């Protein structure tokens, strides 16, 4: 990406394209963050259920070890999802800042561009952006 001083020399079309690209990334990251939050809530519920079942069960049962293993696995998954959520939220905040720092004229012009730009070019850009975001998320997931 070019430095901020040269943004004033960008053409209107380039600014509009950059704004739309960043906005699509922002929406994709926001959806992903919501999904991760839902997964964390479900995992926390499972852990609470297992912990309650453990308290209610007989201390001498065979199930105690199985529940303990399940709790440990779920806690590890919960920790992993929490880290992923924090990462996605950081990315989302960066996208928000980028969109917020876009020139006002580019934001106003983007609505006109959406109406005048052909549907095929928007679909092509969106699929490229989504695939880039998905690749980034896969890379980050494999790193964790």
Protein backbone atom coordinates (compact mmCIF):
# COMPACT_ATOMS: atom_id res chain seq x y z
CA UNK A 1 0.00 0.00 0.00
CA UNK A 2 1.27 3.48 -0.80
CA UNK A 3 2.05 5.96 1.93
CA UNK A 4 -0.60 8.41 3.14
CA UNK A 5 0.93 11.47 1.46
CA UNK A 6 0.25 10.07 -1.99
CA UNK A 7 -3.42 9.30 -1.31
CA UNK A 8 -4.32 12.81 -2.41
CA UNK A 9 -2.91 12.00 -5.84
CA UNK A 10 -5.11 8.91 -6.27
CA UNK A 11 -7.88 9.04 -8.82
CA UNK A 12 -11.49 9.04 -7.74
CA UNK A 13 -11.99 5.54 -9.14
CA UNK A 14 -8.99 4.21 -7.25
CA UNK A 15 -10.22 5.73 -3.98
CA UNK A 16 -13.69 4.31 -4.54
CA UNK A 17 -12.30 0.86 -5.35
CA UNK A 18 -10.08 0.92 -2.27
CA UNK A 19 -12.98 2.00 -0.08
CA UNK A 20 -15.27 -0.74 -1.41
CA UNK A 21 -12.54 -3.34 -1.02
CA UNK A 22 -11.90 -2.32 2.59
CA UNK A 23 -15.60 -2.20 3.36
CA UNK A 24 -16.09 -5.74 2.01
CA UNK A 25 -13.18 -6.94 4.14
CA UNK A 26 -14.69 -5.22 7.15
CA UNK A 27 -18.06 -6.93 6.67
CA UNK A 28 -16.45 -10.33 6.18
CA UNK A 29 -14.35 -9.96 9.32
CA UNK A 30 -17.36 -8.78 11.30
CA UNK A 31 -19.35 -11.89 10.29
CA UNK A 32 -16.42 -14.12 11.19
CA UNK A 33 -16.05 -12.46 14.61
CA UNK A 34 -19.76 -13.05 15.33
CA UNK A 35 -19.43 -16.71 14.39
CA UNK A 36 -16.40 -17.09 16.66
CA UNK A 37 -18.27 -15.45 19.55
CA UNK A 38 -21.16 -17.87 19.06
CA UNK A 39 -18.78 -20.83 19.07
CA UNK A 40 -17.17 -19.59 22.29
CA UNK A 41 -20.58 -19.26 23.94
CA UNK A 42 -21.51 -22.81 22.93
CA UNK A 43 -18.21 -24.19 24.22
CA UNK A 44 -18.62 -22.34 27.52
CA UNK A 45 -22.12 -23.81 27.89
CA UNK A 46 -20.77 -27.30 27.25
CA UNK A 47 -18.08 -26.80 29.87
CA UNK A 48 -20.63 -25.63 32.43
CA UNK A 49 -22.86 -28.62 31.71
CA UNK A 50 -19.95 -31.01 32.07
CA UNK A 51 -18.86 -29.35 35.29
CA UNK A 52 -22.40 -29.59 36.69
CA UNK A 53 -22.68 -33.23 35.63
CA UNK A 54 -19.37 -33.89 37.32
CA UNK A 55 -20.62 -32.37 40.59
CA UNK A 56 -23.88 -34.34 40.47
CA UNK A 57 -22.27 -37.70 39.71
CA UNK A 58 -20.94 -40.25 42.15
CA UNK A 59 -17.23 -39.68 42.91
CA UNK A 60 -16.44 -43.35 42.31
CA UNK A 61 -17.91 -43.64 38.83
CA UNK A 62 -15.91 -44.39 35.72
CA UNK A 63 -17.40 -41.37 33.98
CA UNK A 64 -15.38 -38.99 36.11
CA UNK A 65 -12.22 -39.49 34.05
CA UNK A 66 -14.11 -39.15 30.77
CA UNK A 67 -15.73 -35.93 31.88
CA UNK A 68 -12.41 -34.57 33.06
CA UNK A 69 -10.84 -35.30 29.67
CA UNK A 70 -13.77 -33.70 27.87
CA UNK A 71 -13.54 -30.62 30.07
CA UNK A 72 -9.83 -30.27 29.35
CA UNK A 73 -10.39 -30.64 25.60
CA UNK A 74 -13.22 -28.11 25.64
CA UNK A 75 -11.19 -25.67 27.72
CA UNK A 76 -8.33 -25.91 25.21
CA UNK A 77 -10.76 -25.33 22.34
CA UNK A 78 -12.29 -22.42 24.22
CA UNK A 79 -8.85 -20.87 24.77
CA UNK A 80 -8.00 -21.31 21.08
CA UNK A 81 -11.27 -19.74 20.00
CA UNK A 82 -10.75 -16.87 22.43
CA UNK A 83 -7.34 -16.17 20.88
CA UNK A 84 -8.81 -16.38 17.38
CA UNK A 85 -11.63 -14.05 18.36
CA UNK A 86 -9.16 -11.50 19.73
CA UNK A 87 -7.18 -11.71 16.50
CA UNK A 88 -10.28 -11.25 14.35
CA UNK A 89 -11.47 -8.37 16.52
CA UNK A 90 -8.08 -6.68 16.10
CA UNK A 91 -8.37 -7.10 12.34
CA UNK A 92 -11.91 -5.76 12.46
CA UNK A 93 -10.74 -2.70 14.38
CA UNK A 94 -8.00 -2.09 11.82
CA UNK A 95 -10.56 -2.28 9.03
CA UNK A 96 -12.85 0.11 10.92
CA UNK A 97 -9.98 2.57 11.29
CA UNK A 98 -9.13 2.30 7.60
CA UNK A 99 -12.72 2.87 6.58
CA UNK A 100 -13.08 5.70 9.07
CA UNK A 101 -9.93 7.39 7.78
CA UNK A 102 -11.05 7.23 4.15
CA UNK A 103 -11.75 10.69 2.70
CA UNK A 104 -15.34 11.84 3.05
CA UNK A 105 -15.62 12.42 -0.68
CA UNK A 106 -14.65 8.79 -1.30
CA UNK A 107 -17.33 7.62 1.15
CA UNK A 108 -20.00 9.78 -0.51
CA UNK A 109 -18.87 8.80 -3.98
CA UNK A 110 -18.93 5.11 -3.11
CA UNK A 111 -22.72 5.08 -3.02
CA UNK A 112 -22.80 6.55 -6.53
CA UNK A 113 -20.17 4.07 -7.67
CA UNK A 114 -22.20 1.15 -6.40
CA UNK A 115 -25.11 2.29 -8.54
CA UNK A 116 -23.05 3.00 -11.66
CA UNK A 117 -20.56 0.12 -11.51
CA UNK A 118 -21.59 -3.00 -13.36
CA UNK A 119 -22.67 -5.98 -11.31
CA UNK A 120 -20.04 -8.26 -12.83
CA UNK A 121 -17.09 -6.15 -11.71
CA UNK A 122 -18.40 -5.94 -8.13
CA UNK A 123 -19.00 -9.69 -7.96
CA UNK A 124 -15.49 -10.36 -9.29
CA UNK A 125 -13.86 -8.04 -6.76
CA UNK A 126 -15.95 -9.41 -3.91
CA UNK A 127 -15.03 -13.02 -4.68
CA UNK A 128 -11.34 -12.09 -4.89
CA UNK A 129 -11.54 -10.22 -1.57
CA UNK A 130 -13.45 -13.03 0.12
CA UNK A 131 -10.92 -15.59 -1.08
CA UNK A 132 -8.06 -13.40 0.20
CA UNK A 133 -9.74 -13.03 3.58
CA UNK A 134 -10.44 -16.76 3.75
CA UNK A 135 -6.81 -17.54 2.91
CA UNK A 136 -5.65 -15.12 5.60
CA UNK A 137 -7.97 -16.68 8.18
CA UNK A 138 -6.85 -20.20 7.24
CA UNK A 139 -3.22 -19.15 7.61
CA UNK A 140 -3.92 -17.61 11.01
CA UNK A 141 -5.87 -20.68 12.13
CA UNK A 142 -3.01 -22.96 11.11
CA UNK A 143 -0.58 -20.72 13.00
CA UNK A 144 -2.60 -21.13 16.19
